[in-house]
């Protein structure tokens, strides 16, 4: 019985280390849109992780948060070389974001999954309405 459990654990671990092609596609799309529009994680990746890759809402948010730093570094490299990054303003945004992210992640860990979906959907609709009104 012990050997069977260990073998099963090894098989599950190996499967979990294989990158799902859906994740690569979602990451690619999120990366393109992040570099082009300054969005990617929450607006693109979370809905695709939930609707296409079958992740739970909270899990999708957590995975998306884990992708933010590499996405940002790639964008900063290109924009920085072109002289487009305003470093002082970026530092101000980063300082506020670090504090805000800690608060938001704490809420994410405790919020009801259904309420999280509703709040996230309302946020997306609100952003779309604001952009449409100012466009």
N, C-alpha and C. Protein backbone atom coordinates (compact mmCIF):
# COMPACT_ATOMS: atom_id res chain seq x y z
N UNK A 1 0.82 -1.20 0.00
CA UNK A 1 0.00 0.00 0.00
C UNK A 1 0.86 1.26 0.00
N UNK A 2 1.94 1.26 0.78
CA UNK A 2 2.84 2.41 0.87
C UNK A 2 3.46 2.72 -0.49
N UNK A 3 3.91 1.69 -1.21
CA UNK A 3 4.54 1.89 -2.52
C UNK A 3 3.54 2.47 -3.51
N UNK A 4 2.29 2.03 -3.46
CA UNK A 4 1.26 2.53 -4.37
C UNK A 4 0.99 4.01 -4.10
N UNK A 5 0.92 4.39 -2.85
CA UNK A 5 0.68 5.78 -2.48
C UNK A 5 1.84 6.66 -2.93
N UNK A 6 3.08 6.18 -2.76
CA UNK A 6 4.25 6.94 -3.18
C UNK A 6 4.30 7.09 -4.70
N UNK A 7 3.96 6.02 -5.42
CA UNK A 7 3.93 6.08 -6.88
C UNK A 7 2.88 7.06 -7.36
N UNK A 8 1.70 7.00 -6.74
CA UNK A 8 0.62 7.92 -7.10
C UNK A 8 1.02 9.37 -6.85
N UNK A 9 1.69 9.62 -5.75
CA UNK A 9 2.16 10.97 -5.43
C UNK A 9 3.18 11.44 -6.47
N UNK A 10 4.09 10.56 -6.86
CA UNK A 10 5.09 10.93 -7.88
C UNK A 10 4.43 11.24 -9.22
N UNK A 11 3.44 10.48 -9.59
CA UNK A 11 2.74 10.71 -10.86
C UNK A 11 2.01 12.05 -10.82
N UNK A 12 1.32 12.34 -9.72
CA UNK A 12 0.62 13.63 -9.59
C UNK A 12 1.59 14.79 -9.59
N UNK A 13 2.72 14.64 -8.92
CA UNK A 13 3.72 15.70 -8.88
C UNK A 13 4.28 15.95 -10.27
N UNK A 14 4.59 14.89 -11.01
CA UNK A 14 5.11 15.04 -12.37
C UNK A 14 4.09 15.74 -13.26
N UNK A 15 2.82 15.38 -13.16
CA UNK A 15 1.78 16.03 -13.96
C UNK A 15 1.64 17.50 -13.60
N UNK A 16 1.79 17.82 -12.32
CA UNK A 16 1.63 19.21 -11.90
C UNK A 16 2.79 20.08 -12.39
N UNK A 17 3.93 19.47 -12.72
CA UNK A 17 5.08 20.23 -13.20
C UNK A 17 5.07 20.43 -14.71
N UNK A 18 4.14 19.77 -15.41
CA UNK A 18 4.02 19.93 -16.86
C UNK A 18 3.17 21.16 -17.13
N UNK A 19 3.66 22.05 -17.99
CA UNK A 19 2.91 23.25 -18.31
C UNK A 19 1.75 22.94 -19.23
N UNK A 20 0.58 23.34 -18.83
CA UNK A 20 -0.62 23.16 -19.62
C UNK A 20 -0.57 24.13 -20.81
N UNK A 21 -0.79 23.65 -22.03
CA UNK A 21 -0.78 24.54 -23.19
C UNK A 21 -1.78 25.70 -23.05
N UNK A 22 -2.88 25.48 -22.33
CA UNK A 22 -3.83 26.56 -22.12
C UNK A 22 -3.19 27.69 -21.32
N UNK A 23 -2.37 27.33 -20.33
CA UNK A 23 -1.70 28.35 -19.53
C UNK A 23 -0.71 29.14 -20.38
N UNK A 24 0.00 28.45 -21.25
CA UNK A 24 0.93 29.15 -22.14
C UNK A 24 0.18 30.11 -23.06
N UNK A 25 -0.96 29.67 -23.59
CA UNK A 25 -1.76 30.53 -24.47
C UNK A 25 -2.32 31.73 -23.71
N UNK A 26 -2.83 31.49 -22.51
CA UNK A 26 -3.37 32.58 -21.69
C UNK A 26 -2.25 33.55 -21.33
N UNK A 27 -1.10 33.01 -20.96
CA UNK A 27 0.05 33.86 -20.64
C UNK A 27 0.50 34.68 -21.84
N UNK A 28 0.52 34.06 -23.00
CA UNK A 28 0.92 34.78 -24.21
C UNK A 28 -0.05 35.93 -24.49
N UNK A 29 -1.34 35.64 -24.45
CA UNK A 29 -2.34 36.68 -24.69
C UNK A 29 -2.26 37.79 -23.65
N UNK A 30 -2.11 37.41 -22.39
CA UNK A 30 -1.98 38.40 -21.33
C UNK A 30 -0.72 39.22 -21.49
N UNK A 31 0.37 38.59 -21.92
CA UNK A 31 1.62 39.31 -22.13
C UNK A 31 1.53 40.30 -23.27
N UNK A 32 0.92 39.87 -24.39
CA UNK A 32 0.76 40.78 -25.53
C UNK A 32 -0.08 41.98 -25.13
N UNK A 33 -1.21 41.73 -24.47
CA UNK A 33 -2.08 42.84 -24.07
C UNK A 33 -1.46 43.70 -22.99
N UNK A 34 -0.64 43.10 -22.13
CA UNK A 34 0.04 43.88 -21.10
C UNK A 34 1.04 44.83 -21.74
N UNK A 35 1.83 44.32 -22.68
CA UNK A 35 2.79 45.18 -23.35
C UNK A 35 2.14 46.24 -24.21
N UNK A 36 1.02 45.90 -24.85
CA UNK A 36 0.34 46.81 -25.75
C UNK A 36 -0.54 47.82 -25.02
N UNK A 37 -1.32 47.33 -24.06
CA UNK A 37 -2.34 48.17 -23.42
C UNK A 37 -2.09 48.45 -21.93
N UNK A 38 -1.11 47.79 -21.35
CA UNK A 38 -0.87 47.99 -19.92
C UNK A 38 -1.81 47.18 -19.05
N UNK A 39 -2.48 46.18 -19.64
CA UNK A 39 -3.36 45.29 -18.88
C UNK A 39 -2.94 43.86 -19.18
N UNK A 40 -3.38 42.93 -18.41
CA UNK A 40 -3.03 41.54 -18.70
C UNK A 40 -3.46 40.61 -17.59
N UNK A 41 -2.93 40.84 -16.40
CA UNK A 41 -3.21 39.92 -15.30
C UNK A 41 -4.67 39.76 -14.98
N UNK A 42 -5.23 40.75 -14.35
CA UNK A 42 -6.60 40.63 -13.90
C UNK A 42 -7.62 40.68 -15.01
N UNK A 43 -7.43 41.54 -15.95
CA UNK A 43 -8.46 41.77 -16.96
C UNK A 43 -8.49 40.68 -18.01
N UNK A 44 -7.36 40.10 -18.34
CA UNK A 44 -7.31 39.08 -19.39
C UNK A 44 -7.16 37.68 -18.80
N UNK A 45 -6.17 37.52 -17.96
CA UNK A 45 -5.84 36.18 -17.49
C UNK A 45 -6.88 35.57 -16.56
N UNK A 46 -7.40 36.34 -15.63
CA UNK A 46 -8.34 35.78 -14.67
C UNK A 46 -9.60 35.22 -15.35
N UNK A 47 -10.25 35.99 -16.22
CA UNK A 47 -11.43 35.40 -16.89
C UNK A 47 -11.09 34.15 -17.71
N UNK A 48 -9.96 34.16 -18.41
CA UNK A 48 -9.58 33.00 -19.20
C UNK A 48 -9.22 31.80 -18.33
N UNK A 49 -8.56 32.04 -17.21
CA UNK A 49 -8.24 30.94 -16.30
C UNK A 49 -9.52 30.30 -15.76
N UNK A 50 -10.53 31.11 -15.48
CA UNK A 50 -11.79 30.59 -14.95
C UNK A 50 -12.60 29.91 -16.05
N UNK A 51 -12.81 30.61 -17.15
CA UNK A 51 -13.74 30.13 -18.18
C UNK A 51 -13.14 29.08 -19.11
N UNK A 52 -11.86 29.15 -19.38
CA UNK A 52 -11.25 28.25 -20.36
C UNK A 52 -10.41 27.15 -19.69
N UNK A 53 -9.63 27.53 -18.68
CA UNK A 53 -8.74 26.56 -18.05
C UNK A 53 -9.37 25.85 -16.86
N UNK A 54 -10.57 26.29 -16.44
CA UNK A 54 -11.29 25.60 -15.38
C UNK A 54 -10.82 25.87 -13.97
N UNK A 55 -10.14 26.97 -13.74
CA UNK A 55 -9.69 27.31 -12.39
C UNK A 55 -10.85 27.89 -11.59
N UNK A 56 -10.79 27.73 -10.28
CA UNK A 56 -11.73 28.42 -9.39
C UNK A 56 -11.35 29.90 -9.39
N UNK A 57 -12.30 30.75 -9.07
CA UNK A 57 -12.08 32.19 -9.14
C UNK A 57 -10.89 32.63 -8.28
N UNK A 58 -10.86 32.22 -7.03
CA UNK A 58 -9.78 32.62 -6.12
C UNK A 58 -8.44 32.10 -6.62
N UNK A 59 -8.42 30.86 -7.08
CA UNK A 59 -7.21 30.25 -7.60
C UNK A 59 -6.70 31.02 -8.83
N UNK A 60 -7.61 31.44 -9.69
CA UNK A 60 -7.23 32.22 -10.89
C UNK A 60 -6.60 33.55 -10.50
N UNK A 61 -7.15 34.21 -9.51
CA UNK A 61 -6.59 35.48 -9.04
C UNK A 61 -5.17 35.25 -8.51
N UNK A 62 -4.99 34.20 -7.72
CA UNK A 62 -3.68 33.92 -7.13
C UNK A 62 -2.65 33.59 -8.21
N UNK A 63 -3.03 32.78 -9.20
CA UNK A 63 -2.11 32.43 -10.28
C UNK A 63 -1.74 33.68 -11.07
N UNK A 64 -2.73 34.52 -11.35
CA UNK A 64 -2.50 35.75 -12.10
C UNK A 64 -1.54 36.68 -11.35
N UNK A 65 -1.71 36.77 -10.04
CA UNK A 65 -0.81 37.61 -9.25
C UNK A 65 0.63 37.11 -9.35
N UNK A 66 0.81 35.80 -9.43
CA UNK A 66 2.14 35.24 -9.56
C UNK A 66 2.81 35.56 -10.89
N UNK A 67 2.02 35.92 -11.89
CA UNK A 67 2.57 36.23 -13.21
C UNK A 67 2.90 37.71 -13.40
N UNK A 68 2.51 38.54 -12.46
CA UNK A 68 2.65 39.99 -12.65
C UNK A 68 4.10 40.44 -12.76
N UNK A 69 4.97 39.96 -11.90
CA UNK A 69 6.36 40.43 -11.90
C UNK A 69 7.08 40.12 -13.22
N UNK A 70 7.02 38.87 -13.72
CA UNK A 70 7.69 38.64 -15.01
C UNK A 70 7.09 39.46 -16.16
N UNK A 71 5.78 39.62 -16.16
CA UNK A 71 5.13 40.43 -17.19
C UNK A 71 5.64 41.87 -17.11
N UNK A 72 5.69 42.40 -15.91
CA UNK A 72 6.14 43.78 -15.71
C UNK A 72 7.59 43.96 -16.12
N UNK A 73 8.44 43.02 -15.75
CA UNK A 73 9.86 43.13 -16.09
C UNK A 73 10.07 43.12 -17.60
N UNK A 74 9.31 42.28 -18.31
CA UNK A 74 9.43 42.25 -19.77
C UNK A 74 9.02 43.59 -20.38
N UNK A 75 7.91 44.14 -19.90
CA UNK A 75 7.44 45.43 -20.40
C UNK A 75 8.39 46.56 -20.06
N UNK A 76 8.90 46.55 -18.84
CA UNK A 76 9.84 47.59 -18.41
C UNK A 76 11.10 47.56 -19.26
N UNK A 77 11.57 46.37 -19.59
CA UNK A 77 12.78 46.26 -20.41
C UNK A 77 12.60 46.96 -21.74
N UNK A 78 11.49 46.73 -22.40
CA UNK A 78 11.26 47.33 -23.72
C UNK A 78 11.01 48.84 -23.59
N UNK A 79 10.10 49.22 -22.72
CA UNK A 79 9.79 50.65 -22.55
C UNK A 79 10.98 51.41 -21.97
N UNK A 80 11.74 50.76 -21.08
CA UNK A 80 12.90 51.42 -20.49
C UNK A 80 13.98 51.72 -21.52
N UNK A 81 14.26 50.77 -22.39
CA UNK A 81 15.24 50.99 -23.46
C UNK A 81 14.81 52.13 -24.37
N UNK A 82 13.51 52.23 -24.59
CA UNK A 82 12.98 53.30 -25.45
C UNK A 82 12.90 54.64 -24.71
N UNK A 83 13.22 54.66 -23.41
CA UNK A 83 13.18 55.90 -22.63
C UNK A 83 11.78 56.34 -22.26
N UNK A 84 10.83 55.42 -22.26
CA UNK A 84 9.43 55.76 -22.02
C UNK A 84 9.00 55.62 -20.56
N UNK A 85 9.81 54.99 -19.73
CA UNK A 85 9.41 54.78 -18.33
C UNK A 85 9.72 56.04 -17.53
N UNK A 86 8.76 56.54 -16.85
CA UNK A 86 8.95 57.67 -15.93
C UNK A 86 9.20 57.06 -14.55
N UNK A 87 10.48 56.93 -14.22
CA UNK A 87 10.87 56.13 -13.05
C UNK A 87 10.34 56.68 -11.74
N UNK A 88 10.32 57.97 -11.55
CA UNK A 88 9.86 58.55 -10.28
C UNK A 88 8.37 58.27 -10.08
N UNK A 89 7.58 58.47 -11.13
CA UNK A 89 6.15 58.20 -11.05
C UNK A 89 5.90 56.70 -10.87
N UNK A 90 6.70 55.88 -11.56
CA UNK A 90 6.56 54.43 -11.42
C UNK A 90 6.87 53.99 -9.99
N UNK A 91 7.85 54.63 -9.37
CA UNK A 91 8.19 54.31 -7.98
C UNK A 91 7.02 54.65 -7.05
N UNK A 92 6.37 55.79 -7.29
CA UNK A 92 5.20 56.16 -6.50
C UNK A 92 4.08 55.15 -6.65
N UNK A 93 3.81 54.73 -7.88
CA UNK A 93 2.79 53.71 -8.11
C UNK A 93 3.16 52.40 -7.44
N UNK A 94 4.43 52.01 -7.54
CA UNK A 94 4.88 50.76 -6.94
C UNK A 94 4.73 50.77 -5.42
N UNK A 95 5.08 51.89 -4.80
CA UNK A 95 4.97 51.97 -3.34
C UNK A 95 3.52 51.80 -2.89
N UNK A 96 2.63 52.50 -3.55
CA UNK A 96 1.21 52.34 -3.22
C UNK A 96 0.69 50.95 -3.54
N UNK A 97 1.17 50.37 -4.63
CA UNK A 97 0.71 49.05 -5.06
C UNK A 97 1.14 47.96 -4.09
N UNK A 98 2.33 48.08 -3.53
CA UNK A 98 2.80 47.06 -2.58
C UNK A 98 1.88 47.03 -1.36
N UNK A 99 1.55 48.18 -0.85
CA UNK A 99 0.65 48.25 0.31
C UNK A 99 -0.75 47.76 -0.08
N UNK A 100 -1.25 48.24 -1.21
CA UNK A 100 -2.57 47.83 -1.66
C UNK A 100 -2.66 46.34 -1.96
N UNK A 101 -1.62 45.77 -2.54
CA UNK A 101 -1.62 44.35 -2.88
C UNK A 101 -1.67 43.48 -1.63
N UNK A 102 -0.99 43.90 -0.59
CA UNK A 102 -1.04 43.13 0.67
C UNK A 102 -2.45 43.14 1.24
N UNK A 103 -3.09 44.28 1.20
CA UNK A 103 -4.47 44.38 1.69
C UNK A 103 -5.40 43.55 0.81
N UNK A 104 -5.27 43.72 -0.51
CA UNK A 104 -6.13 42.99 -1.44
C UNK A 104 -5.95 41.48 -1.35
N UNK A 105 -4.70 41.01 -1.23
CA UNK A 105 -4.45 39.58 -1.12
C UNK A 105 -5.03 39.02 0.18
N UNK A 106 -5.00 39.83 1.23
CA UNK A 106 -5.61 39.40 2.49
C UNK A 106 -7.12 39.25 2.35
N UNK A 107 -7.73 40.17 1.64
CA UNK A 107 -9.17 40.07 1.38
C UNK A 107 -9.47 38.88 0.48
N UNK A 108 -8.64 38.69 -0.56
CA UNK A 108 -8.82 37.58 -1.49
C UNK A 108 -8.83 36.24 -0.76
N UNK A 109 -7.99 36.10 0.24
CA UNK A 109 -7.91 34.84 0.98
C UNK A 109 -9.17 34.56 1.80
N UNK A 110 -9.94 35.60 2.12
CA UNK A 110 -11.10 35.43 3.00
C UNK A 110 -12.46 35.60 2.33
N UNK A 111 -12.51 36.25 1.17
CA UNK A 111 -13.79 36.59 0.56
C UNK A 111 -14.48 35.34 0.00
N UNK A 112 -15.78 35.33 0.06
CA UNK A 112 -16.58 34.25 -0.50
C UNK A 112 -16.35 34.18 -2.01
N UNK A 113 -16.20 32.98 -2.54
CA UNK A 113 -15.90 32.78 -3.97
C UNK A 113 -16.96 33.41 -4.87
N UNK A 114 -18.21 33.24 -4.54
CA UNK A 114 -19.30 33.81 -5.36
C UNK A 114 -19.25 35.34 -5.33
N UNK A 115 -19.05 35.91 -4.16
CA UNK A 115 -18.96 37.36 -4.03
C UNK A 115 -17.75 37.88 -4.81
N UNK A 116 -16.65 37.14 -4.79
CA UNK A 116 -15.46 37.53 -5.55
C UNK A 116 -15.78 37.62 -7.03
N UNK A 117 -16.53 36.65 -7.56
CA UNK A 117 -16.92 36.67 -8.97
C UNK A 117 -17.77 37.89 -9.29
N UNK A 118 -18.72 38.20 -8.41
CA UNK A 118 -19.61 39.34 -8.63
C UNK A 118 -18.82 40.65 -8.58
N UNK A 119 -17.97 40.80 -7.60
CA UNK A 119 -17.17 42.02 -7.46
C UNK A 119 -16.24 42.18 -8.67
N UNK A 120 -15.61 41.09 -9.09
CA UNK A 120 -14.70 41.16 -10.23
C UNK A 120 -15.47 41.52 -11.50
N UNK A 121 -16.62 40.89 -11.72
CA UNK A 121 -17.43 41.21 -12.90
C UNK A 121 -17.89 42.66 -12.89
N UNK A 122 -18.32 43.15 -11.74
CA UNK A 122 -18.75 44.54 -11.62
C UNK A 122 -17.59 45.49 -11.90
N UNK A 123 -16.41 45.13 -11.44
CA UNK A 123 -15.22 45.94 -11.71
C UNK A 123 -14.96 46.04 -13.21
N UNK A 124 -15.01 44.90 -13.91
CA UNK A 124 -14.76 44.89 -15.35
C UNK A 124 -15.79 45.73 -16.10
N UNK A 125 -17.06 45.61 -15.72
CA UNK A 125 -18.11 46.40 -16.36
C UNK A 125 -17.90 47.89 -16.07
N UNK A 126 -17.55 48.21 -14.83
CA UNK A 126 -17.32 49.61 -14.46
C UNK A 126 -16.15 50.22 -15.23
N UNK A 127 -15.06 49.46 -15.36
CA UNK A 127 -13.91 49.97 -16.12
C UNK A 127 -14.30 50.19 -17.59
N UNK A 128 -15.04 49.23 -18.16
CA UNK A 128 -15.47 49.37 -19.55
C UNK A 128 -16.36 50.61 -19.72
N UNK A 129 -17.25 50.85 -18.78
CA UNK A 129 -18.13 52.01 -18.86
C UNK A 129 -17.34 53.31 -18.75
N UNK A 130 -16.40 53.36 -17.83
CA UNK A 130 -15.58 54.57 -17.69
C UNK A 130 -14.74 54.85 -18.93
N UNK A 131 -14.13 53.80 -19.46
CA UNK A 131 -13.33 53.99 -20.67
C UNK A 131 -14.21 54.41 -21.84
N UNK A 132 -15.40 53.86 -21.95
CA UNK A 132 -16.31 54.23 -23.02
C UNK A 132 -16.78 55.67 -22.88
N UNK A 133 -17.00 56.10 -21.64
CA UNK A 133 -17.47 57.47 -21.42
C UNK A 133 -16.37 58.50 -21.69
N UNK A 134 -15.12 58.12 -21.47
CA UNK A 134 -14.00 59.06 -21.68
C UNK A 134 -13.38 58.92 -23.06
N UNK A 135 -13.84 57.94 -23.84
CA UNK A 135 -13.25 57.68 -25.16
C UNK A 135 -13.81 58.58 -26.17
